[in-house]
Amino acid sequence: MSGRVTDCKVATWQLGKNARFSLVDDHGEFYCNKKKYRIPVSIFSLNRFEKLSGIRAGIRTHKPKAPFETFYQFFTNGLI
């Protein structure tokens, strides 16, 4: 989840904006443009954040190759 939030923070900073993020139960909450949004952790992503907030940063994320879902998993398995 921290990597996905970082993607969103970078996207907002690139545009000179800011958003505040928190984890509440099984939802990621964020405050942006004076509005509060909730997204289930299982589907939280930069794409979903951009659609809900209306922010379009135009950046793409880089993902690790299968079977890893995060770079943390990739690193902890000693593949780098």
C-alpha atoms as a PDB file:
ATOM      1  CA  MET A   1       0.000   0.000   0.000  1.00  0.00           C
ATOM      2  CA  SER A   2       2.834   2.413   0.781  1.00  0.00           C
ATOM      3  CA  GLY A   3       4.149   2.170  -2.783  1.00  0.00           C
ATOM      4  CA  ARG A   4       0.735   2.954  -4.247  1.00  0.00           C
ATOM      5  CA  VAL A   5       0.328   5.964  -1.957  1.00  0.00           C
ATOM      6  CA  THR A   6       3.812   7.137  -2.954  1.00  0.00           C
ATOM      7  CA  ASP A   7       2.774   6.994  -6.619  1.00  0.00           C
ATOM      8  CA  CYS A   8      -0.189   9.240  -5.798  1.00  0.00           C
ATOM      9  CA  LYS A   9       1.918  11.666  -3.746  1.00  0.00           C
ATOM     10  CA  VAL A  10       4.471  12.022  -6.556  1.00  0.00           C
ATOM     11  CA  ALA A  11       1.647  12.651  -9.036  1.00  0.00           C
ATOM     12  CA  THR A  12       0.191  15.452  -6.908  1.00  0.00           C
ATOM     13  CA  TRP A  13       3.581  17.033  -6.150  1.00  0.00           C
ATOM     14  CA  GLN A  14       4.436  17.047  -9.847  1.00  0.00           C
ATOM     15  CA  LEU A  15       1.389  19.268 -10.393  1.00  0.00           C
ATOM     16  CA  GLY A  16       2.133  21.488  -7.388  1.00  0.00           C
ATOM     17  CA  LYS A  17      -0.799  20.066  -5.410  1.00  0.00           C
ATOM     18  CA  ASN A  18      -1.002  18.112  -2.203  1.00  0.00           C
ATOM     19  CA  ALA A  19      -3.146  15.296  -0.850  1.00  0.00           C
ATOM     20  CA  ARG A  20      -3.261  13.729   2.601  1.00  0.00           C
ATOM     21  CA  PHE A  21      -3.546   9.943   2.890  1.00  0.00           C
ATOM     22  CA  SER A  22      -4.481   7.618   5.744  1.00  0.00           C
ATOM     23  CA  LEU A  23      -5.424   3.989   6.240  1.00  0.00           C
ATOM     24  CA  VAL A  24      -8.776   3.380   7.933  1.00  0.00           C
ATOM     25  CA  ASP A  25      -9.764  -0.246   8.424  1.00  0.00           C
ATOM     26  CA  ASP A  26      -9.532  -1.817   4.964  1.00  0.00           C
ATOM     27  CA  HIS A  27      -9.817   1.476   3.087  1.00  0.00           C
ATOM     28  CA  GLY A  28      -7.344   4.056   1.942  1.00  0.00           C
ATOM     29  CA  GLU A  29      -8.668   7.548   2.604  1.00  0.00           C
ATOM     30  CA  PHE A  30      -7.387  10.672   0.981  1.00  0.00           C
ATOM     31  CA  TYR A  31      -8.208  14.340   1.184  1.00  0.00           C
ATOM     32  CA  CYS A  32      -7.699  16.328  -1.981  1.00  0.00           C
ATOM     33  CA  ASN A  33      -9.227  19.584  -3.234  1.00  0.00           C
ATOM     34  CA  LYS A  34     -11.178  19.932   0.045  1.00  0.00           C
ATOM     35  CA  LYS A  35     -12.920  16.581  -0.476  1.00  0.00           C
ATOM     36  CA  LYS A  36     -12.590  13.228   1.275  1.00  0.00           C
ATOM     37  CA  TYR A  37     -12.435   9.973  -0.703  1.00  0.00           C
ATOM     38  CA  ARG A  38     -12.340   6.300   0.341  1.00  0.00           C
ATOM     39  CA  ILE A  39     -11.012   3.444  -1.765  1.00  0.00           C
ATOM     40  CA  PRO A  40     -10.829  -0.212  -0.652  1.00  0.00           C
ATOM     41  CA  VAL A  41      -7.189  -1.225  -0.185  1.00  0.00           C
ATOM     42  CA  SER A  42      -7.628  -4.137  -2.590  1.00  0.00           C
ATOM     43  CA  ILE A  43      -8.299  -1.772  -5.521  1.00  0.00           C
ATOM     44  CA  PHE A  44      -6.312   1.308  -4.444  1.00  0.00           C
ATOM     45  CA  SER A  45      -4.111   2.528  -7.307  1.00  0.00           C
ATOM     46  CA  LEU A  46      -2.792   5.663  -8.977  1.00  0.00           C
ATOM     47  CA  ASN A  47      -5.365   5.181 -11.728  1.00  0.00           C
ATOM     48  CA  ARG A  48      -8.269   4.969  -9.273  1.00  0.00           C
ATOM     49  CA  PHE A  49      -6.907   7.974  -7.324  1.00  0.00           C
ATOM     50  CA  GLU A  50      -6.702  10.043 -10.515  1.00  0.00           C
ATOM     51  CA  LYS A  51     -10.229   9.110 -11.593  1.00  0.00           C
ATOM     52  CA  LEU A  52     -11.774  10.017  -8.242  1.00  0.00           C
ATOM     53  CA  SER A  53      -9.797  13.187  -7.568  1.00  0.00           C
ATOM     54  CA  GLY A  54      -9.827  14.510 -11.121  1.00  0.00           C
ATOM     55  CA  ILE A  55      -6.040  14.888 -11.035  1.00  0.00           C
ATOM     56  CA  ARG A  56      -4.328  13.779 -14.238  1.00  0.00           C
ATOM     57  CA  ALA A  57      -0.568  13.763 -13.786  1.00  0.00           C
ATOM     58  CA  GLY A  58       0.184  11.788 -16.934  1.00  0.00           C
ATOM     59  CA  ILE A  59       2.764   9.559 -15.244  1.00  0.00           C
ATOM     60  CA  ARG A  60       3.062   5.808 -15.574  1.00  0.00           C
ATOM     61  CA  THR A  61       4.155   3.444 -12.863  1.00  0.00           C
ATOM     62  CA  HIS A  62       6.782   0.752 -13.312  1.00  0.00           C
ATOM     63  CA  LYS A  63       5.782  -2.661 -11.987  1.00  0.00           C
ATOM     64  CA  PRO A  64       7.902  -5.719 -11.125  1.00  0.00           C
ATOM     65  CA  LYS A  65       7.644  -8.846 -13.244  1.00  0.00           C
ATOM     66  CA  ALA A  66       5.455 -11.763 -12.176  1.00  0.00           C
ATOM     67  CA  PRO A  67       5.112 -13.460  -9.761  1.00  0.00           C
ATOM     68  CA  PHE A  68       5.840 -10.373  -7.644  1.00  0.00           C
ATOM     69  CA  GLU A  69       3.194  -7.766  -6.934  1.00  0.00           C
ATOM     70  CA  THR A  70       5.562  -5.239  -5.337  1.00  0.00           C
ATOM     71  CA  PHE A  71       9.212  -4.314  -5.601  1.00  0.00           C
ATOM     72  CA  TYR A  72       9.482  -5.016  -1.859  1.00  0.00           C
ATOM     73  CA  GLN A  73       8.648  -8.685  -2.544  1.00  0.00           C
ATOM     74  CA  PHE A  74      11.149  -8.647  -5.395  1.00  0.00           C
ATOM     75  CA  PHE A  75      13.937  -7.225  -3.191  1.00  0.00           C
ATOM     76  CA  THR A  76      13.269  -9.506  -0.209  1.00  0.00           C
ATOM     77  CA  ASN A  77      13.611 -12.554  -2.438  1.00  0.00           C
ATOM     78  CA  GLY A  78      17.180 -11.539  -3.263  1.00  0.00           C
ATOM     79  CA  LEU A  79      16.625 -11.024  -6.949  1.00  0.00           C
ATOM     80  CA  ILE A  80      18.565  -7.769  -7.101  1.00  0.00           C
END
